Structures are given as C-alpha cells and as structure tokens.
Amino acid sequence: MLRRKALKRIYLTTLVLFIMLVTFTFNSFKDNNNDQLQEVEFVSNLNTTHIYLLNKDNYLVSVDILIDKDKIENMAENIINNLSVNNRKYSNLKGLIPSNTKINNIEFKDKTLIVDFSKDLLKVSDKLEEKVVESIVYSLLEIDGVENIKIKIEGEDLEKLEKSNKNLPLLLNSSFGINKSYEINSLKDSMKIVLYYVFNDNDNSYYVPVTRYLNSKDDKVKIIIDSLKGNYYSNTNLSSYLSYKTDVKDFSLDDDILTITFSSLNNDNLEEVTYSLASSIFDSLDVKKVIFEMDNQIIDVKSKK
C-alpha cells in the first residue's frame, strides 16, 4: 500500500517536472524565435547605399553604409549627416560638410530632391567648394527614385559658388561630374567619359569615379576599355582591376544593350572587372544593360539601377 502510494507520488512528481520542462523549452524556443524574427525584420529594414568621402589625394571615393529603408527625405537626411566632417568612421577618409551646417528643409518632388542648407555649407576652401557639391549630389543620387538634386542656401537656389564663381545648373545630376579631369585643347571632338578606378588604402579598397573631359574621335566604349586597361591613372594613386593583358575581342551596341566579348580575361577578379567596366559605361553612355561574354558564353550581366 505504502509502496503503491510512493510510486504514485513519484509518478505525479515526474509528470509535473516533465510538463514544466516542456513548457520552459517551448517558451525558450518561442522567445529565441521571436528574437530571431525581430533580428531578421531589423536587418530587412536596412539598405546599403554609397556615399562619397574625400581621401588624402583629394579624390571623392565611394564608401558603403547601411541606412534605414524610410521616406526618401529621411534617407537623404541620414546620408547628409554621414557626409559631415564629424564622420570619423573611416581612416584617411573625411566628410566635407562643415560641422555647423544645418538642414533647414528637405523635400522630394517630381523625382527631384530639394535640400535647403544653412549658409555654413560652403564655409570651406575654394579648392573644396565644388567637391562639397559633388559629394552631396552623387551620394543623394544613390537613393532609388531620385534623378535630380536642387541645393538651396537659406531658401535661395545655389546658382554660383562663392569663392570660385563657378556657375551651377539649377538641377544637379550625374552630368555635373565628379573628380573632374580636363584634358581638352579644343572644342572640336570633345567628349566626357566616367572611369571607375580603385583607391587602395592599407587593406581597404574603394571605387573612385573620375570624370574625364578630353578630345578624341574614338568610340567611347573603346576609350573606356583602353583607359582602364592602362592599370594606373597617370600621376595618381588610382589603379584599375582591368589588366593590360585583358583582350577584348569585340563590342556591339543594340538599342540600349551593350555586349562586350572577351577573348582573354583573368577570372580571379571577374566581379570587380565587370563592375568597374559596367559602372563606367552606365555613367558615360545611354546604356541600360551590359552583357559580358567569353568563349561563346555569357559570364556576367549588369543592369543599370
């Protein structure tokens, strides 16, 4: 009798402990699962974008940052804050917007982002005035849906740079250029191309778009390929992923699709080569897609965002 009661107590105690263990395990799993879901949701609300900071050689270089997916105006404010001289997250790189600069207003209308700054924005040296504008314009153009930037100072359109007296278009876009290089000796056969070089700083590599104004009768695609095959941009610390040994067999443009056919290519850095080439082409020609081929096979495809 006593043994039966003792066994019954042991059974009941074991059953209660089992139920408690199952309940604890379920709740722990549920909490961990919720934490994971919240983490996934948090990550999904982040967006990678590029901003342009100044390196030690006075070139604006492309840097990746994470920002919240939000209203365009809020994303723009976040990007601008990262362009401040107070941004010291990257060694040997710096923002150009003076620390006292305030954003009076941001408005997005008809694909144009209108930003009204305080008058402190251009309190920089004459050599950096245009760089400040380039940095803002190219960084904000990374936002999907933004095609033009209008800069205001205390409610007035910024039409001229104070120190250099350089006139500015009312609507600023990629046609304004970045890291400009002038190699023009006449207005005849003049053209503009953009080349994506690389700046190496210790263990870090950054893309650097260079807008070149030059005289040439050659096809723009040929100039881009030949320029990047040079490996180094003359008299600078900028290099190219496209080896001088790379051989381009042919290229053809059909409507807005460009096909480039290689006869030889180092596949070790294929992604870097195709990215720098496609980015240069997208910024230089009216092309929507670049197809890269070799040995009668498509090896990569890049589309303009």
C-alpha atoms as a PDB file:
ATOM      1  CA  MET A   1       0.000   0.000   0.000  1.00  0.00           C
ATOM      2  CA  LEU A   2       2.726   2.415   1.051  1.00  0.00           C
ATOM      3  CA  ARG A   3       4.798   1.323  -1.904  1.00  0.00           C
ATOM      4  CA  ARG A   4       1.858   1.986  -4.240  1.00  0.00           C
ATOM      5  CA  LYS A   5       1.388   5.499  -2.749  1.00  0.00           C
ATOM      6  CA  ALA A   6       5.120   6.173  -3.025  1.00  0.00           C
ATOM      7  CA  LEU A   7       5.132   5.099  -6.661  1.00  0.00           C
ATOM      8  CA  LYS A   8       2.077   7.289  -7.292  1.00  0.00           C
ATOM      9  CA  ARG A   9       3.869  10.306  -5.773  1.00  0.00           C
ATOM     10  CA  ILE A  10       6.980   9.615  -7.830  1.00  0.00           C
ATOM     11  CA  TYR A  11       4.827   9.302 -10.965  1.00  0.00           C
ATOM     12  CA  LEU A  12       2.981  12.575 -10.250  1.00  0.00           C
ATOM     13  CA  THR A  13       6.225  14.398  -9.400  1.00  0.00           C
ATOM     14  CA  THR A  14       7.858  13.124 -12.578  1.00  0.00           C
ATOM     15  CA  LEU A  15       4.816  14.147 -14.633  1.00  0.00           C
ATOM     16  CA  VAL A  16       4.836  17.683 -13.165  1.00  0.00           C
ATOM     17  CA  LEU A  17       8.585  18.050 -13.814  1.00  0.00           C
ATOM     18  CA  PHE A  18       8.113  16.807 -17.371  1.00  0.00           C
ATOM     19  CA  ILE A  19       5.301  19.319 -18.011  1.00  0.00           C
ATOM     20  CA  MET A  20       7.412  22.134 -16.535  1.00  0.00           C
ATOM     21  CA  LEU A  21      10.380  21.135 -18.707  1.00  0.00           C
ATOM     22  CA  VAL A  22       8.263  21.052 -21.877  1.00  0.00           C
ATOM     23  CA  THR A  23       6.707  24.427 -21.019  1.00  0.00           C
ATOM     24  CA  PHE A  24      10.107  26.014 -20.311  1.00  0.00           C
ATOM     25  CA  THR A  25      11.607  24.589 -23.513  1.00  0.00           C
ATOM     26  CA  PHE A  26       8.665  25.820 -25.615  1.00  0.00           C
ATOM     27  CA  ASN A  27       8.783  29.303 -24.120  1.00  0.00           C
ATOM     28  CA  SER A  28      12.547  29.485 -24.590  1.00  0.00           C
ATOM     29  CA  PHE A  29      12.193  28.397 -28.202  1.00  0.00           C
ATOM     30  CA  LYS A  30       9.392  30.895 -28.703  1.00  0.00           C
ATOM     31  CA  ASP A  31      11.438  33.730 -27.183  1.00  0.00           C
ATOM     32  CA  ASN A  32      14.520  32.826 -29.209  1.00  0.00           C
ATOM     33  CA  ASN A  33      12.424  32.511 -32.340  1.00  0.00           C
ATOM     34  CA  ASN A  34      10.847  35.912 -31.698  1.00  0.00           C
ATOM     35  CA  ASP A  35      14.304  37.414 -31.153  1.00  0.00           C
ATOM     36  CA  GLN A  36      15.453  35.893 -34.436  1.00  0.00           C
ATOM     37  CA  LEU A  37      12.368  37.169 -36.221  1.00  0.00           C
ATOM     38  CA  GLN A  38      12.908  40.641 -34.773  1.00  0.00           C
ATOM     39  CA  GLU A  39      16.549  40.498 -35.846  1.00  0.00           C
ATOM     40  CA  VAL A  40      15.580  39.400 -39.366  1.00  0.00           C
ATOM     41  CA  GLU A  41      12.968  42.148 -39.510  1.00  0.00           C
ATOM     42  CA  PHE A  42      15.539  44.673 -38.285  1.00  0.00           C
ATOM     43  CA  VAL A  43      18.086  43.621 -40.905  1.00  0.00           C
ATOM     44  CA  SER A  44      15.453  43.694 -43.647  1.00  0.00           C
ATOM     45  CA  ASN A  45      14.779  47.352 -42.826  1.00  0.00           C
ATOM     46  CA  LEU A  46      18.372  48.276 -43.655  1.00  0.00           C
ATOM     47  CA  ASN A  47      19.571  49.337 -47.062  1.00  0.00           C
ATOM     48  CA  THR A  48      23.133  49.511 -48.415  1.00  0.00           C
ATOM     49  CA  THR A  49      23.990  52.733 -50.201  1.00  0.00           C
ATOM     50  CA  HIS A  50      27.104  54.613 -51.299  1.00  0.00           C
ATOM     51  CA  ILE A  51      28.377  57.926 -50.015  1.00  0.00           C
ATOM     52  CA  TYR A  52      31.384  59.861 -51.276  1.00  0.00           C
ATOM     53  CA  LEU A  53      34.141  60.893 -48.872  1.00  0.00           C
ATOM     54  CA  LEU A  54      37.435  62.649 -49.591  1.00  0.00           C
ATOM     55  CA  ASN A  55      40.697  60.693 -49.494  1.00  0.00           C
ATOM     56  CA  LYS A  56      44.205  62.012 -48.832  1.00  0.00           C
ATOM     57  CA  ASP A  57      44.736  62.668 -52.570  1.00  0.00           C
ATOM     58  CA  ASN A  58      41.656  64.888 -52.842  1.00  0.00           C
ATOM     59  CA  TYR A  59      39.537  62.298 -54.651  1.00  0.00           C
ATOM     60  CA  LEU A  60      35.980  61.506 -53.633  1.00  0.00           C
ATOM     61  CA  VAL A  61      35.767  57.756 -53.068  1.00  0.00           C
ATOM     62  CA  SER A  62      32.718  55.512 -52.819  1.00  0.00           C
ATOM     63  CA  VAL A  63      32.030  54.073 -49.349  1.00  0.00           C
ATOM     64  CA  ASP A  64      29.252  51.619 -48.409  1.00  0.00           C
ATOM     65  CA  ILE A  65      26.991  52.478 -45.466  1.00  0.00           C
ATOM     66  CA  LEU A  66      23.791  50.999 -44.040  1.00  0.00           C
ATOM     67  CA  ILE A  67      20.737  53.210 -43.616  1.00  0.00           C
ATOM     68  CA  ASP A  68      17.123  52.529 -42.680  1.00  0.00           C
ATOM     69  CA  LYS A  69      14.664  51.997 -45.515  1.00  0.00           C
ATOM     70  CA  ASP A  70      12.460  55.000 -44.932  1.00  0.00           C
ATOM     71  CA  LYS A  71      10.885  58.002 -46.605  1.00  0.00           C
ATOM     72  CA  ILE A  72      13.212  59.485 -49.191  1.00  0.00           C
ATOM     73  CA  GLU A  73      13.519  62.690 -47.144  1.00  0.00           C
ATOM     74  CA  ASN A  74      14.622  60.739 -44.059  1.00  0.00           C
ATOM     75  CA  MET A  75      17.089  58.655 -46.048  1.00  0.00           C
ATOM     76  CA  ALA A  76      18.515  61.851 -47.539  1.00  0.00           C
ATOM     77  CA  GLU A  77      18.980  63.384 -44.092  1.00  0.00           C
ATOM     78  CA  ASN A  78      20.773  60.255 -42.901  1.00  0.00           C
ATOM     79  CA  ILE A  79      23.116  60.318 -45.896  1.00  0.00           C
ATOM     80  CA  ILE A  80      23.885  64.031 -45.476  1.00  0.00           C
ATOM     81  CA  ASN A  81      24.720  63.505 -41.799  1.00  0.00           C
ATOM     82  CA  ASN A  82      27.274  60.904 -42.879  1.00  0.00           C
ATOM     83  CA  LEU A  83      28.925  63.499 -45.145  1.00  0.00           C
ATOM     84  CA  SER A  84      29.785  65.751 -42.213  1.00  0.00           C
ATOM     85  CA  VAL A  85      33.389  66.436 -41.219  1.00  0.00           C
ATOM     86  CA  ASN A  86      32.378  64.838 -37.915  1.00  0.00           C
ATOM     87  CA  ASN A  87      32.238  61.428 -39.621  1.00  0.00           C
ATOM     88  CA  ARG A  88      35.463  59.783 -38.461  1.00  0.00           C
ATOM     89  CA  LYS A  89      34.465  56.160 -39.032  1.00  0.00           C
ATOM     90  CA  TYR A  90      36.934  55.678 -41.869  1.00  0.00           C
ATOM     91  CA  SER A  91      40.682  56.179 -41.526  1.00  0.00           C
ATOM     92  CA  ASN A  92      42.202  58.524 -44.113  1.00  0.00           C
ATOM     93  CA  LEU A  93      38.730  59.492 -45.393  1.00  0.00           C
ATOM     94  CA  LYS A  94      36.674  62.502 -44.386  1.00  0.00           C
ATOM     95  CA  GLY A  95      33.346  64.185 -44.988  1.00  0.00           C
ATOM     96  CA  LEU A  96      33.307  67.721 -46.341  1.00  0.00           C
ATOM     97  CA  ILE A  97      30.166  69.329 -44.927  1.00  0.00           C
ATOM     98  CA  PRO A  98      31.179  71.770 -42.133  1.00  0.00           C
ATOM     99  CA  SER A  99      30.037  70.699 -38.673  1.00  0.00           C
ATOM    100  CA  ASN A 100      27.889  73.816 -38.068  1.00  0.00           C
ATOM    101  CA  THR A 101      25.826  73.226 -41.227  1.00  0.00           C
ATOM    102  CA  LYS A 102      22.118  72.736 -40.588  1.00  0.00           C
ATOM    103  CA  ILE A 103      19.476  71.205 -42.820  1.00  0.00           C
ATOM    104  CA  ASN A 104      16.621  73.696 -42.961  1.00  0.00           C
ATOM    105  CA  ASN A 105      14.327  71.567 -45.102  1.00  0.00           C
ATOM    106  CA  ILE A 106      14.242  68.534 -47.379  1.00  0.00           C
ATOM    107  CA  GLU A 107      11.534  67.982 -49.983  1.00  0.00           C
ATOM    108  CA  PHE A 108      11.150  65.310 -52.664  1.00  0.00           C
ATOM    109  CA  LYS A 109       9.031  66.349 -55.634  1.00  0.00           C
ATOM    110  CA  ASP A 110       8.833  65.162 -59.262  1.00  0.00           C
ATOM    111  CA  LYS A 111      11.952  62.950 -58.924  1.00  0.00           C
ATOM    112  CA  THR A 112      13.897  65.965 -57.599  1.00  0.00           C
ATOM    113  CA  LEU A 113      15.330  66.125 -54.092  1.00  0.00           C
ATOM    114  CA  ILE A 114      15.399  69.707 -52.825  1.00  0.00           C
ATOM    115  CA  VAL A 115      17.699  70.328 -49.862  1.00  0.00           C
ATOM    116  CA  ASP A 116      17.869  73.690 -48.106  1.00  0.00           C
ATOM    117  CA  PHE A 117      21.083  74.157 -46.091  1.00  0.00           C
ATOM    118  CA  SER A 118      22.225  76.877 -43.743  1.00  0.00           C
ATOM    119  CA  LYS A 119      24.846  79.314 -45.057  1.00  0.00           C
ATOM    120  CA  ASP A 120      27.606  77.336 -43.303  1.00  0.00           C
ATOM    121  CA  LEU A 121      27.562  74.708 -46.081  1.00  0.00           C
ATOM    122  CA  LEU A 122      30.158  76.448 -48.254  1.00  0.00           C
ATOM    123  CA  LYS A 123      32.446  77.694 -45.496  1.00  0.00           C
ATOM    124  CA  VAL A 124      35.285  75.669 -46.989  1.00  0.00           C
ATOM    125  CA  SER A 125      38.377  76.489 -49.047  1.00  0.00           C
ATOM    126  CA  ASP A 126      37.983  77.427 -52.710  1.00  0.00           C
ATOM    127  CA  LYS A 127      39.555  74.074 -53.662  1.00  0.00           C
ATOM    128  CA  LEU A 128      36.826  72.157 -51.825  1.00  0.00           C
ATOM    129  CA  GLU A 129      33.739  74.173 -52.816  1.00  0.00           C
ATOM    130  CA  GLU A 130      32.963  72.088 -55.862  1.00  0.00           C
ATOM    131  CA  LYS A 131      33.919  68.860 -54.068  1.00  0.00           C
ATOM    132  CA  VAL A 132      31.261  69.556 -51.418  1.00  0.00           C
ATOM    133  CA  VAL A 133      28.588  69.823 -54.121  1.00  0.00           C
ATOM    134  CA  GLU A 134      29.853  66.700 -55.931  1.00  0.00           C
ATOM    135  CA  SER A 135      29.830  64.719 -52.683  1.00  0.00           C
ATOM    136  CA  ILE A 136      26.248  65.725 -51.863  1.00  0.00           C
ATOM    137  CA  VAL A 137      24.909  65.210 -55.390  1.00  0.00           C
ATOM    138  CA  TYR A 138      26.463  61.799 -56.055  1.00  0.00           C
ATOM    139  CA  SER A 139      25.627  60.485 -52.580  1.00  0.00           C
ATOM    140  CA  LEU A 140      21.957  61.522 -52.799  1.00  0.00           C
ATOM    141  CA  LEU A 141      21.597  60.195 -56.352  1.00  0.00           C
ATOM    142  CA  GLU A 142      22.162  56.714 -54.904  1.00  0.00           C
ATOM    143  CA  ILE A 143      18.613  56.841 -53.478  1.00  0.00           C
ATOM    144  CA  ASP A 144      16.187  54.935 -55.721  1.00  0.00           C
ATOM    145  CA  GLY A 145      13.791  57.281 -57.474  1.00  0.00           C
ATOM    146  CA  VAL A 146      15.969  60.386 -57.147  1.00  0.00           C
ATOM    147  CA  GLU A 147      17.090  61.750 -60.519  1.00  0.00           C
ATOM    148  CA  ASN A 148      17.961  65.360 -59.714  1.00  0.00           C
ATOM    149  CA  ILE A 149      19.238  67.374 -56.763  1.00  0.00           C
ATOM    150  CA  LYS A 150      18.477  71.036 -56.096  1.00  0.00           C
ATOM    151  CA  ILE A 151      20.575  72.766 -53.453  1.00  0.00           C
ATOM    152  CA  LYS A 152      19.301  75.840 -51.644  1.00  0.00           C
ATOM    153  CA  ILE A 153      21.057  78.090 -49.141  1.00  0.00           C
ATOM    154  CA  GLU A 154      18.720  79.755 -46.651  1.00  0.00           C
ATOM    155  CA  GLY A 155      15.813  79.359 -49.077  1.00  0.00           C
ATOM    156  CA  GLU A 156      17.670  80.671 -52.149  1.00  0.00           C
ATOM    157  CA  ASP A 157      18.755  78.494 -55.074  1.00  0.00           C
ATOM    158  CA  LEU A 158      22.507  77.896 -55.117  1.00  0.00           C
ATOM    159  CA  GLU A 159      23.395  79.146 -58.598  1.00  0.00           C
ATOM    160  CA  LYS A 160      27.045  80.051 -58.128  1.00  0.00           C
ATOM    161  CA  LEU A 161      29.930  79.007 -55.906  1.00  0.00           C
ATOM    162  CA  GLU A 162      31.037  81.984 -53.836  1.00  0.00           C
ATOM    163  CA  LYS A 163      34.819  81.633 -53.973  1.00  0.00           C
ATOM    164  CA  SER A 164      35.399  80.179 -57.442  1.00  0.00           C
ATOM    165  CA  ASN A 165      32.429  81.997 -59.065  1.00  0.00           C
ATOM    166  CA  LYS A 166      31.593  78.771 -60.878  1.00  0.00           C
ATOM    167  CA  ASN A 167      28.009  78.723 -62.152  1.00  0.00           C
ATOM    168  CA  LEU A 168      25.855  75.780 -61.175  1.00  0.00           C
ATOM    169  CA  PRO A 169      22.864  74.321 -63.029  1.00  0.00           C
ATOM    170  CA  LEU A 170      19.569  74.624 -61.189  1.00  0.00           C
ATOM    171  CA  LEU A 171      19.101  70.838 -61.269  1.00  0.00           C
ATOM    172  CA  LEU A 172      22.169  68.791 -60.438  1.00  0.00           C
ATOM    173  CA  ASN A 173      22.616  65.173 -61.558  1.00  0.00           C
ATOM    174  CA  SER A 174      25.365  62.836 -62.738  1.00  0.00           C
ATOM    175  CA  SER A 175      26.035  65.111 -65.727  1.00  0.00           C
ATOM    176  CA  PHE A 176      27.613  67.538 -63.213  1.00  0.00           C
ATOM    177  CA  GLY A 177      30.582  65.187 -62.928  1.00  0.00           C
ATOM    178  CA  ILE A 178      32.786  64.086 -60.054  1.00  0.00           C
ATOM    179  CA  ASN A 179      36.575  64.150 -59.588  1.00  0.00           C
ATOM    180  CA  LYS A 180      36.824  66.134 -62.812  1.00  0.00           C
ATOM    181  CA  SER A 181      39.862  65.954 -65.058  1.00  0.00           C
ATOM    182  CA  TYR A 182      40.198  68.324 -68.031  1.00  0.00           C
ATOM    183  CA  GLU A 183      42.359  67.187 -70.959  1.00  0.00           C
ATOM    184  CA  ILE A 184      40.815  69.381 -73.642  1.00  0.00           C
ATOM    185  CA  ASN A 185      42.777  71.589 -76.013  1.00  0.00           C
ATOM    186  CA  SER A 186      39.884  72.494 -78.332  1.00  0.00           C
ATOM    187  CA  LEU A 187      36.095  72.280 -78.541  1.00  0.00           C
ATOM    188  CA  LYS A 188      36.357  70.006 -81.574  1.00  0.00           C
ATOM    189  CA  ASP A 189      35.749  66.296 -80.942  1.00  0.00           C
ATOM    190  CA  SER A 190      35.380  66.927 -77.215  1.00  0.00           C
ATOM    191  CA  MET A 191      33.610  64.394 -75.011  1.00  0.00           C
ATOM    192  CA  LYS A 192      33.036  63.367 -71.419  1.00  0.00           C
ATOM    193  CA  ILE A 193      33.521  59.878 -70.004  1.00  0.00           C
ATOM    194  CA  VAL A 194      33.467  58.489 -66.466  1.00  0.00           C
ATOM    195  CA  LEU A 195      36.021  55.892 -65.414  1.00  0.00           C
ATOM    196  CA  TYR A 196      35.779  53.799 -62.250  1.00  0.00           C
ATOM    197  CA  TYR A 197      39.234  53.363 -60.780  1.00  0.00           C
ATOM    198  CA  VAL A 198      40.277  51.868 -57.438  1.00  0.00           C
ATOM    199  CA  PHE A 199      41.948  53.509 -54.461  1.00  0.00           C
ATOM    200  CA  ASN A 200      43.809  51.115 -52.152  1.00  0.00           C
ATOM    201  CA  ASP A 201      44.369  52.218 -48.574  1.00  0.00           C
ATOM    202  CA  ASN A 202      46.094  49.592 -46.435  1.00  0.00           C
ATOM    203  CA  ASP A 203      43.688  46.627 -46.540  1.00  0.00           C
ATOM    204  CA  ASN A 204      40.750  48.646 -47.872  1.00  0.00           C
ATOM    205  CA  SER A 205      39.799  49.263 -51.495  1.00  0.00           C
ATOM    206  CA  TYR A 206      37.397  51.941 -52.686  1.00  0.00           C
ATOM    207  CA  TYR A 207      35.933  52.736 -56.107  1.00  0.00           C
ATOM    208  CA  VAL A 208      36.719  56.202 -57.426  1.00  0.00           C
ATOM    209  CA  PRO A 209      34.706  57.601 -60.360  1.00  0.00           C
ATOM    210  CA  VAL A 210      36.764  60.068 -62.417  1.00  0.00           C
ATOM    211  CA  THR A 211      35.026  62.330 -64.939  1.00  0.00           C
ATOM    212  CA  ARG A 212      37.403  62.963 -67.836  1.00  0.00           C
ATOM    213  CA  TYR A 213      36.855  65.683 -70.429  1.00  0.00           C
ATOM    214  CA  LEU A 214      39.016  65.006 -73.488  1.00  0.00           C
ATOM    215  CA  ASN A 215      39.392  65.317 -77.241  1.00  0.00           C
ATOM    216  CA  SER A 216      39.030  62.126 -79.242  1.00  0.00           C
ATOM    217  CA  LYS A 217      37.359  60.689 -82.333  1.00  0.00           C
ATOM    218  CA  ASP A 218      37.340  57.161 -80.949  1.00  0.00           C
ATOM    219  CA  ASP A 219      34.257  55.313 -79.756  1.00  0.00           C
ATOM    220  CA  LYS A 220      33.503  55.943 -76.071  1.00  0.00           C
ATOM    221  CA  VAL A 221      33.423  52.233 -75.266  1.00  0.00           C
ATOM    222  CA  LYS A 222      36.889  51.780 -76.788  1.00  0.00           C
ATOM    223  CA  ILE A 223      38.238  54.746 -74.819  1.00  0.00           C
ATOM    224  CA  ILE A 224      36.795  53.368 -71.563  1.00  0.00           C
ATOM    225  CA  ILE A 225      38.277  49.901 -72.129  1.00  0.00           C
ATOM    226  CA  ASP A 226      41.676  51.215 -73.252  1.00  0.00           C
ATOM    227  CA  SER A 227      41.830  53.696 -70.353  1.00  0.00           C
ATOM    228  CA  LEU A 228      41.043  51.086 -67.701  1.00  0.00           C
ATOM    229  CA  LYS A 229      43.466  48.603 -69.315  1.00  0.00           C
ATOM    230  CA  GLY A 230      46.196  51.097 -68.567  1.00  0.00           C
ATOM    231  CA  ASN A 231      46.052  49.713 -64.997  1.00  0.00           C
ATOM    232  CA  TYR A 232      47.007  53.066 -63.454  1.00  0.00           C
ATOM    233  CA  TYR A 233      45.574  56.519 -63.934  1.00  0.00           C
ATOM    234  CA  SER A 234      48.634  58.614 -64.786  1.00  0.00           C
ATOM    235  CA  ASN A 235      50.281  60.557 -61.959  1.00  0.00           C
ATOM    236  CA  THR A 236      47.796  59.334 -59.342  1.00  0.00           C
ATOM    237  CA  ASN A 237      47.457  56.541 -56.801  1.00  0.00           C
ATOM    238  CA  LEU A 238      44.428  55.175 -58.655  1.00  0.00           C
ATOM    239  CA  SER A 239      44.555  51.761 -60.278  1.00  0.00           C
ATOM    240  CA  SER A 240      42.245  49.543 -62.330  1.00  0.00           C
ATOM    241  CA  TYR A 241      41.043  45.973 -61.948  1.00  0.00           C
ATOM    242  CA  LEU A 242      41.200  45.560 -65.711  1.00  0.00           C
ATOM    243  CA  SER A 243      44.599  44.068 -66.521  1.00  0.00           C
ATOM    244  CA  TYR A 244      46.568  45.318 -69.516  1.00  0.00           C
ATOM    245  CA  LYS A 245      46.663  41.651 -70.588  1.00  0.00           C
ATOM    246  CA  THR A 246      42.880  41.542 -70.926  1.00  0.00           C
ATOM    247  CA  ASP A 247      41.888  41.199 -74.558  1.00  0.00           C
ATOM    248  CA  VAL A 248      38.509  42.474 -75.761  1.00  0.00           C
ATOM    249  CA  LYS A 249      37.585  40.737 -78.973  1.00  0.00           C
ATOM    250  CA  ASP A 250      34.557  42.827 -79.850  1.00  0.00           C
ATOM    251  CA  PHE A 251      31.763  45.009 -78.520  1.00  0.00           C
ATOM    252  CA  SER A 252      28.405  45.868 -80.034  1.00  0.00           C
ATOM    253  CA  LEU A 253      25.560  48.190 -79.069  1.00  0.00           C
ATOM    254  CA  ASP A 254      21.999  47.140 -79.853  1.00  0.00           C
ATOM    255  CA  ASP A 255      19.461  49.770 -78.758  1.00  0.00           C
ATOM    256  CA  ASP A 256      20.363  50.236 -75.082  1.00  0.00           C
ATOM    257  CA  ILE A 257      22.141  46.895 -74.565  1.00  0.00           C
ATOM    258  CA  LEU A 258      25.924  46.700 -74.899  1.00  0.00           C
ATOM    259  CA  THR A 259      27.643  43.343 -75.393  1.00  0.00           C
ATOM    260  CA  ILE A 260      31.358  43.056 -74.662  1.00  0.00           C
ATOM    261  CA  THR A 261      33.167  39.894 -75.798  1.00  0.00           C
ATOM    262  CA  PHE A 262      36.486  38.973 -74.202  1.00  0.00           C
ATOM    263  CA  SER A 263      38.996  36.673 -75.846  1.00  0.00           C
ATOM    264  CA  SER A 264      41.025  36.515 -72.620  1.00  0.00           C
ATOM    265  CA  LEU A 265      40.296  37.548 -69.064  1.00  0.00           C
ATOM    266  CA  ASN A 266      41.588  36.809 -65.570  1.00  0.00           C
ATOM    267  CA  ASN A 267      38.586  35.258 -63.815  1.00  0.00           C
ATOM    268  CA  ASP A 268      40.069  35.765 -60.344  1.00  0.00           C
ATOM    269  CA  ASN A 269      38.570  39.254 -60.138  1.00  0.00           C
ATOM    270  CA  LEU A 270      35.727  38.906 -62.625  1.00  0.00           C
ATOM    271  CA  GLU A 271      33.166  40.708 -60.442  1.00  0.00           C
ATOM    272  CA  GLU A 272      35.452  43.717 -59.928  1.00  0.00           C
ATOM    273  CA  VAL A 273      36.300  43.922 -63.637  1.00  0.00           C
ATOM    274  CA  THR A 274      32.691  43.754 -64.826  1.00  0.00           C
ATOM    275  CA  TYR A 275      31.509  46.167 -62.108  1.00  0.00           C
ATOM    276  CA  SER A 276      34.081  48.844 -62.921  1.00  0.00           C
ATOM    277  CA  LEU A 277      33.514  48.474 -66.668  1.00  0.00           C
ATOM    278  CA  ALA A 278      29.724  48.494 -66.434  1.00  0.00           C
ATOM    279  CA  SER A 279      29.682  51.438 -63.996  1.00  0.00           C
ATOM    280  CA  SER A 280      31.932  53.428 -66.333  1.00  0.00           C
ATOM    281  CA  ILE A 281      29.678  52.639 -69.291  1.00  0.00           C
ATOM    282  CA  PHE A 282      26.428  53.434 -67.468  1.00  0.00           C
ATOM    283  CA  ASP A 283      27.789  56.844 -66.433  1.00  0.00           C
ATOM    284  CA  SER A 284      29.171  57.611 -69.898  1.00  0.00           C
ATOM    285  CA  LEU A 285      26.575  56.293 -72.364  1.00  0.00           C
ATOM    286  CA  ASP A 286      22.834  55.848 -72.591  1.00  0.00           C
ATOM    287  CA  VAL A 287      23.009  52.112 -71.889  1.00  0.00           C
ATOM    288  CA  LYS A 288      20.626  50.102 -69.703  1.00  0.00           C
ATOM    289  CA  LYS A 289      22.384  46.713 -69.684  1.00  0.00           C
ATOM    290  CA  VAL A 290      25.892  45.358 -70.298  1.00  0.00           C
ATOM    291  CA  ILE A 291      26.390  41.702 -71.242  1.00  0.00           C
ATOM    292  CA  PHE A 292      29.855  40.180 -70.852  1.00  0.00           C
ATOM    293  CA  GLU A 293      30.751  37.151 -72.974  1.00  0.00           C
ATOM    294  CA  MET A 294      33.716  34.822 -73.439  1.00  0.00           C
ATOM    295  CA  ASP A 295      34.091  31.537 -75.319  1.00  0.00           C
ATOM    296  CA  ASN A 296      30.530  31.901 -76.658  1.00  0.00           C
ATOM    297  CA  GLN A 297      29.133  32.006 -73.118  1.00  0.00           C
ATOM    298  CA  ILE A 298      27.637  34.800 -71.037  1.00  0.00           C
ATOM    299  CA  ILE A 299      29.883  35.242 -67.996  1.00  0.00           C
ATOM    300  CA  ASP A 300      28.089  38.202 -66.380  1.00  0.00           C
ATOM    301  CA  VAL A 301      25.260  40.698 -66.887  1.00  0.00           C
ATOM    302  CA  LYS A 302      24.991  44.138 -65.293  1.00  0.00           C
ATOM    303  CA  SER A 303      21.852  46.307 -65.366  1.00  0.00           C
ATOM    304  CA  LYS A 304      21.606  49.991 -64.656  1.00  0.00           C
ATOM    305  CA  LYS A 305      19.621  50.649 -61.497  1.00  0.00           C
END
